Amino acid sequence: MKHTDASAPVFSLYYIAIDTEAGVTNAQFEQFVREKGCQIPCYPGWRWTLLRGLRGERAGQFLMLYEIENADMRDRYLRADGNLTELARQFWRDRPHAQQLLREWQQLGTFSALPTIYTDYRLLAENKKSTVMDGPRYRERPGEEPEARVIGIHNLALRADVEAATFETFIAENYQRIEDYPDWKFRLLKGERGNRLDQYVVMMEIASLAALDVFYPEPDIATDQAAVFAKAHRDTKQMYEEWKQLASFSGSPQIYTDYLAVAESQGCGDEQGV
């Protein structure tokens, strides 16, 4: 089995809930995050995107997606139990304005901190041939429609009597066979901290809602374009069939949610004063 790349990014997912009992609406929360909450600084090497469930299990609910440069950059600021390190505590002490923004956020909903349900995932595989490039997952420009990516989070489960090492070895030896739809990007992640320890997810990053609808305008119902693509990439289809002998695959009947990006951090924090 391939060892984890120490330079690979870490992806952390935090469930976010708004205070509906106090009358907070999705639109109100999203407006605050886009106008003010996005100014809350990130630790160096971190960035976050706020996602709203588009369809699936958590439609209409929120998730914070953190992409962290690598495990070392995560461990500088978060302990294995999810609590802050002293370096992280100093980061916030040095930024009183950020603490005020956090308090305003927490009047509307939860933030990505304990006791929020969360999982840190390590990257097992990704399609480096994808046409989806690194870059903002949400961006606004004056006079233009916002750019917003779709993030699919699809939980997986091993078949009976299949060992984790068997599945992970298969992925390490075969993921290069995957050809994604245009403007889609496959990643396979495994929980290493938090609430879904040792569980797998496929994280599918899609450049836009339009790019999703070309192939799947409705949940689990593929278009003719998807069928044409599958016929043109038979080895990918065959790889997926081999995968299904070891574990479940994306989509029903497994639990999944496709999320739409609705806000993003404006940048990482710097090292000054830390």
Protein backbone atom coordinates (compact mmCIF):
# COMPACT_ATOMS: atom_id res chain seq x y z
CA MET A 1 0.00 0.00 0.00
CA LYS A 2 1.28 3.46 -0.92
CA HIS A 3 2.36 5.57 2.03
CA THR A 4 0.68 8.92 2.58
CA ASP A 5 2.48 11.82 0.93
CA ALA A 6 3.62 14.16 3.73
CA SER A 7 3.21 17.12 1.37
CA ALA A 8 -0.38 16.24 0.43
CA PRO A 9 -3.16 18.60 1.53
CA VAL A 10 -5.51 17.81 4.40
CA PHE A 11 -9.25 18.36 3.94
CA SER A 12 -11.34 19.09 7.03
CA LEU A 13 -15.14 19.13 7.05
CA TYR A 14 -17.16 20.82 9.81
CA TYR A 15 -20.95 20.68 10.04
CA ILE A 16 -22.34 24.20 10.48
CA ALA A 17 -25.82 24.94 11.85
CA ILE A 18 -27.63 28.28 11.88
CA ASP A 19 -29.81 29.40 14.79
CA THR A 20 -33.21 28.84 13.23
CA GLU A 21 -34.89 29.13 16.65
CA ALA A 22 -33.75 32.77 16.71
CA GLY A 23 -35.15 33.29 13.22
CA VAL A 24 -31.84 33.23 11.35
CA THR A 25 -32.33 32.35 7.67
CA ASN A 26 -29.92 30.80 5.19
CA ALA A 27 -29.91 34.03 3.16
CA GLN A 28 -29.11 36.15 6.23
CA PHE A 29 -26.27 33.86 7.28
CA GLU A 30 -24.76 33.68 3.81
CA GLN A 31 -24.91 37.46 3.42
CA PHE A 32 -23.04 37.94 6.70
CA VAL A 33 -20.35 35.43 5.73
CA ARG A 34 -19.83 36.97 2.29
CA GLU A 35 -19.73 40.55 3.62
CA LYS A 36 -17.97 40.15 6.97
CA GLY A 37 -17.30 36.55 7.97
CA CYS A 38 -14.96 36.02 5.02
CA GLN A 39 -12.61 38.54 6.69
CA ILE A 40 -11.96 36.17 9.60
CA PRO A 41 -8.30 35.24 9.06
CA CYS A 42 -7.10 31.72 8.43
CA TYR A 43 -4.02 30.17 9.92
CA PRO A 44 -1.05 30.22 7.51
CA GLY A 45 -1.45 27.46 4.95
CA TRP A 46 -5.21 27.21 5.52
CA ARG A 47 -8.25 28.34 3.55
CA TRP A 48 -11.95 27.64 3.93
CA THR A 49 -15.09 27.58 1.80
CA LEU A 50 -18.64 27.72 3.15
CA LEU A 51 -20.89 25.22 1.38
CA ARG A 52 -24.69 24.88 1.31
CA GLY A 53 -26.30 21.52 0.57
CA LEU A 54 -27.75 21.49 -2.91
CA ARG A 55 -29.18 17.98 -2.96
CA GLY A 56 -28.84 14.75 -1.06
CA GLU A 57 -28.90 14.04 2.67
CA ARG A 58 -28.03 17.58 3.87
CA ALA A 59 -29.81 19.73 1.29
CA GLY A 60 -30.16 23.28 2.64
CA GLN A 61 -27.61 22.71 5.42
CA PHE A 62 -24.10 24.12 5.73
CA LEU A 63 -20.61 22.67 5.77
CA MET A 64 -17.20 24.32 6.16
CA LEU A 65 -14.52 22.84 3.91
CA TYR A 66 -10.94 23.58 4.95
CA GLU A 67 -8.07 22.81 2.64
CA ILE A 68 -4.81 22.83 4.60
CA GLU A 69 -1.42 22.82 2.88
CA ASN A 70 -0.26 19.64 4.61
CA ALA A 71 -0.54 17.73 7.88
CA ASP A 72 2.30 19.67 9.49
CA MET A 73 0.51 22.99 8.88
CA ARG A 74 -2.60 21.51 10.47
CA ASP A 75 -0.75 20.14 13.48
CA ARG A 76 0.78 23.53 14.26
CA TYR A 77 -2.66 24.85 15.09
CA LEU A 78 -4.86 21.86 15.98
CA ARG A 79 -4.10 19.00 18.35
CA ALA A 80 -5.14 15.45 17.55
CA ASP A 81 -8.17 15.81 19.86
CA GLY A 82 -9.45 18.86 17.96
CA ASN A 83 -8.36 21.43 20.53
CA LEU A 84 -6.20 24.44 19.70
CA THR A 85 -2.45 24.45 20.19
CA GLU A 86 -0.79 27.29 22.04
CA LEU A 87 0.31 28.72 18.69
CA ALA A 88 -3.34 28.87 17.59
CA ARG A 89 -4.42 30.51 20.85
CA GLN A 90 -1.75 33.15 20.37
CA PHE A 91 -2.94 33.67 16.78
CA TRP A 92 -6.38 34.68 18.05
CA ARG A 93 -5.06 36.74 20.97
CA ASP A 94 -3.07 38.79 18.46
CA ARG A 95 -6.22 39.50 16.41
CA PRO A 96 -8.94 41.10 18.56
CA HIS A 97 -10.84 42.27 15.46
CA ALA A 98 -11.07 38.65 14.31
CA GLN A 99 -12.43 37.64 17.71
CA GLN A 100 -15.19 40.24 17.33
CA LEU A 101 -16.10 38.89 13.89
CA LEU A 102 -16.21 35.39 15.37
CA ARG A 103 -18.63 36.55 18.05
CA GLU A 104 -20.87 38.07 15.38
CA TRP A 105 -20.74 34.83 13.38
CA GLN A 106 -21.66 32.79 16.47
CA GLN A 107 -24.75 34.93 17.04
CA LEU A 108 -26.07 33.53 13.76
CA GLY A 109 -24.75 29.96 13.81
CA THR A 110 -21.97 27.62 14.76
CA PHE A 111 -18.35 27.98 13.68
CA SER A 112 -15.72 25.36 12.90
CA ALA A 113 -14.66 24.68 16.47
CA LEU A 114 -15.49 22.08 19.11
CA PRO A 115 -18.11 20.77 19.83
CA THR A 116 -18.94 20.99 16.13
CA ILE A 117 -19.02 17.59 14.40
CA TYR A 118 -16.00 17.39 12.13
CA THR A 119 -13.59 15.06 10.36
CA ASP A 120 -10.05 15.59 9.11
CA TYR A 121 -9.39 13.60 5.96
CA ARG A 122 -6.08 12.64 4.41
CA LEU A 123 -5.79 12.39 0.65
CA LEU A 124 -5.47 8.85 -0.72
CA ALA A 125 -5.80 9.63 -4.43
CA GLU A 126 -6.76 12.40 -6.84
CA ASN A 127 -7.08 12.80 -10.57
CA LYS A 128 -4.21 15.10 -11.50
CA LYS A 129 -5.37 15.04 -15.14
CA SER A 130 -8.60 16.86 -14.28
CA THR A 131 -9.45 20.11 -16.03
CA VAL A 132 -10.44 21.61 -12.64
CA MET A 133 -7.55 23.81 -11.60
CA ASP A 134 -6.54 25.02 -8.14
CA GLY A 135 -8.16 28.31 -7.33
CA PRO A 136 -11.05 29.93 -5.49
CA ARG A 137 -14.13 27.81 -4.97
CA TYR A 138 -16.26 30.94 -4.64
CA ARG A 139 -15.53 34.34 -6.15
CA GLU A 140 -17.51 37.53 -6.74
CA ARG A 141 -16.63 40.22 -9.26
CA PRO A 142 -18.51 43.50 -9.75
CA GLY A 143 -21.14 43.26 -12.46
CA GLU A 144 -20.75 39.49 -12.91
CA GLU A 145 -22.50 36.41 -11.62
CA PRO A 146 -20.55 34.78 -8.77
CA GLU A 147 -18.31 31.84 -9.63
CA ALA A 148 -19.30 28.93 -7.41
CA ARG A 149 -18.02 25.36 -7.51
CA VAL A 150 -19.98 22.28 -6.50
CA ILE A 151 -18.44 19.94 -3.93
CA GLY A 152 -19.88 16.43 -3.74
CA ILE A 153 -19.24 14.52 -0.51
CA HIS A 154 -20.07 10.85 -1.05
CA ASN A 155 -19.57 8.41 1.84
CA LEU A 156 -18.24 4.94 1.06
CA ALA A 157 -18.27 1.59 2.85
CA LEU A 158 -16.20 -1.54 2.38
CA ARG A 159 -17.92 -4.75 1.35
CA ALA A 160 -18.13 -7.58 3.88
CA ASP A 161 -14.77 -9.20 4.65
CA VAL A 162 -12.79 -6.67 2.57
CA GLU A 163 -9.79 -5.29 4.44
CA ALA A 164 -8.99 -1.58 4.30
CA ALA A 165 -5.48 -2.37 3.04
CA THR A 166 -6.92 -4.32 0.10
CA PHE A 167 -9.14 -1.46 -1.00
CA GLU A 168 -6.46 1.18 -0.51
CA THR A 169 -3.90 -0.86 -2.45
CA PHE A 170 -6.39 -1.24 -5.30
CA ILE A 171 -6.96 2.53 -5.35
CA ALA A 172 -3.23 3.32 -5.22
CA GLU A 173 -2.55 0.99 -8.16
CA ASN A 174 -5.56 1.94 -10.30
CA TYR A 175 -6.70 5.53 -9.70
CA GLN A 176 -4.59 6.68 -12.67
CA ARG A 177 -7.18 4.95 -14.87
CA ILE A 178 -9.83 7.47 -13.87
CA GLU A 179 -10.87 10.03 -16.48
CA ASP A 180 -13.29 12.59 -15.03
CA TYR A 181 -16.01 14.41 -16.90
CA PRO A 182 -14.85 17.81 -18.18
CA ASP A 183 -14.73 20.30 -15.29
CA TRP A 184 -14.97 17.53 -12.66
CA LYS A 185 -12.21 16.36 -10.29
CA PHE A 186 -12.09 13.14 -8.26
CA ARG A 187 -10.44 12.78 -4.87
CA LEU A 188 -10.59 9.85 -2.44
CA LEU A 189 -10.19 10.78 1.22
CA LYS A 190 -9.91 8.80 4.45
CA GLY A 191 -10.86 10.12 7.88
CA GLU A 192 -7.90 10.29 10.25
CA ARG A 193 -9.27 12.52 13.03
CA GLY A 194 -12.68 13.48 14.33
CA ASN A 195 -16.05 11.81 14.00
CA ARG A 196 -15.58 9.60 10.90
CA LEU A 197 -12.27 8.04 11.80
CA ASP A 198 -11.03 5.56 9.16
CA GLN A 199 -14.10 6.14 6.96
CA TYR A 200 -13.84 6.97 3.25
CA VAL A 201 -15.40 9.67 1.11
CA VAL A 202 -15.22 10.54 -2.54
CA MET A 203 -14.91 14.33 -2.79
CA MET A 204 -15.94 15.39 -6.27
CA GLU A 205 -15.10 19.00 -7.12
CA ILE A 206 -17.05 20.41 -10.06
CA ALA A 207 -16.26 23.76 -11.65
CA SER A 208 -19.85 25.04 -11.65
CA LEU A 209 -23.49 24.09 -11.28
CA ALA A 210 -23.75 24.12 -15.08
CA ALA A 211 -20.91 21.56 -15.30
CA LEU A 212 -22.84 19.30 -12.90
CA ASP A 213 -26.08 19.61 -14.85
CA VAL A 214 -24.43 18.60 -18.14
CA PHE A 215 -24.07 15.07 -16.77
CA TYR A 216 -26.37 14.86 -13.73
CA PRO A 217 -29.15 17.47 -13.72
CA GLU A 218 -31.03 15.25 -11.24
CA PRO A 219 -29.65 13.03 -8.46
CA ASP A 220 -28.39 9.68 -9.80
CA ILE A 221 -29.96 10.23 -13.23
CA ALA A 222 -27.29 10.53 -15.92
CA THR A 223 -27.75 12.37 -19.20
CA ASP A 224 -27.00 11.08 -22.68
CA GLN A 225 -23.72 13.03 -22.53
CA ALA A 226 -22.68 10.90 -19.53
CA ALA A 227 -23.39 7.72 -21.48
CA VAL A 228 -21.37 8.97 -24.45
CA PHE A 229 -18.46 9.82 -22.14
CA ALA A 230 -18.57 6.37 -20.51
CA LYS A 231 -18.42 4.66 -23.91
CA ALA A 232 -15.40 6.75 -24.85
CA HIS A 233 -13.60 5.89 -21.60
CA ARG A 234 -14.22 2.17 -21.18
CA ASP A 235 -11.20 1.56 -18.96
CA THR A 236 -12.49 4.07 -16.41
CA LYS A 237 -15.85 2.31 -16.45
CA GLN A 238 -14.08 -1.04 -15.98
CA MET A 239 -12.03 0.37 -13.08
CA TYR A 240 -15.25 1.48 -11.37
CA GLU A 241 -16.72 -2.01 -11.78
CA GLU A 242 -13.61 -3.49 -10.14
CA TRP A 243 -13.91 -0.89 -7.35
CA LYS A 244 -17.51 -1.97 -6.67
CA GLN A 245 -16.30 -5.49 -5.89
CA LEU A 246 -14.42 -4.04 -2.89
CA ALA A 247 -16.51 -1.08 -1.71
CA SER A 248 -19.57 0.98 -2.42
CA PHE A 249 -19.40 3.72 -5.01
CA SER A 250 -20.53 7.36 -5.25
CA GLY A 251 -24.24 8.11 -5.12
CA SER A 252 -27.22 6.08 -3.93
CA PRO A 253 -27.69 4.00 -1.86
CA GLN A 254 -24.81 5.50 0.13
CA ILE A 255 -25.22 8.75 2.05
CA TYR A 256 -24.11 11.77 0.06
CA THR A 257 -24.64 15.49 -0.35
CA ASP A 258 -23.75 17.75 -3.24
CA TYR A 259 -22.93 21.22 -1.94
CA LEU A 260 -22.73 24.61 -3.63
CA ALA A 261 -20.00 27.03 -2.55
CA VAL A 262 -21.57 30.21 -1.16
CA ALA A 263 -18.61 32.07 0.44
CA GLU A 264 -14.86 31.77 0.87
CA SER A 265 -12.14 33.11 3.13
CA GLN A 266 -10.38 36.12 1.68
CA GLY A 267 -6.92 34.77 2.46
CA CYS A 268 -4.68 33.01 4.91
CA GLY A 269 -3.33 34.62 8.01
CA ASP A 270 0.29 35.67 8.06
CA GLU A 271 2.99 34.71 10.50
CA GLN A 272 3.29 38.19 11.95
CA GLY A 273 2.78 38.20 15.67
CA VAL A 274 2.44 34.43 15.87
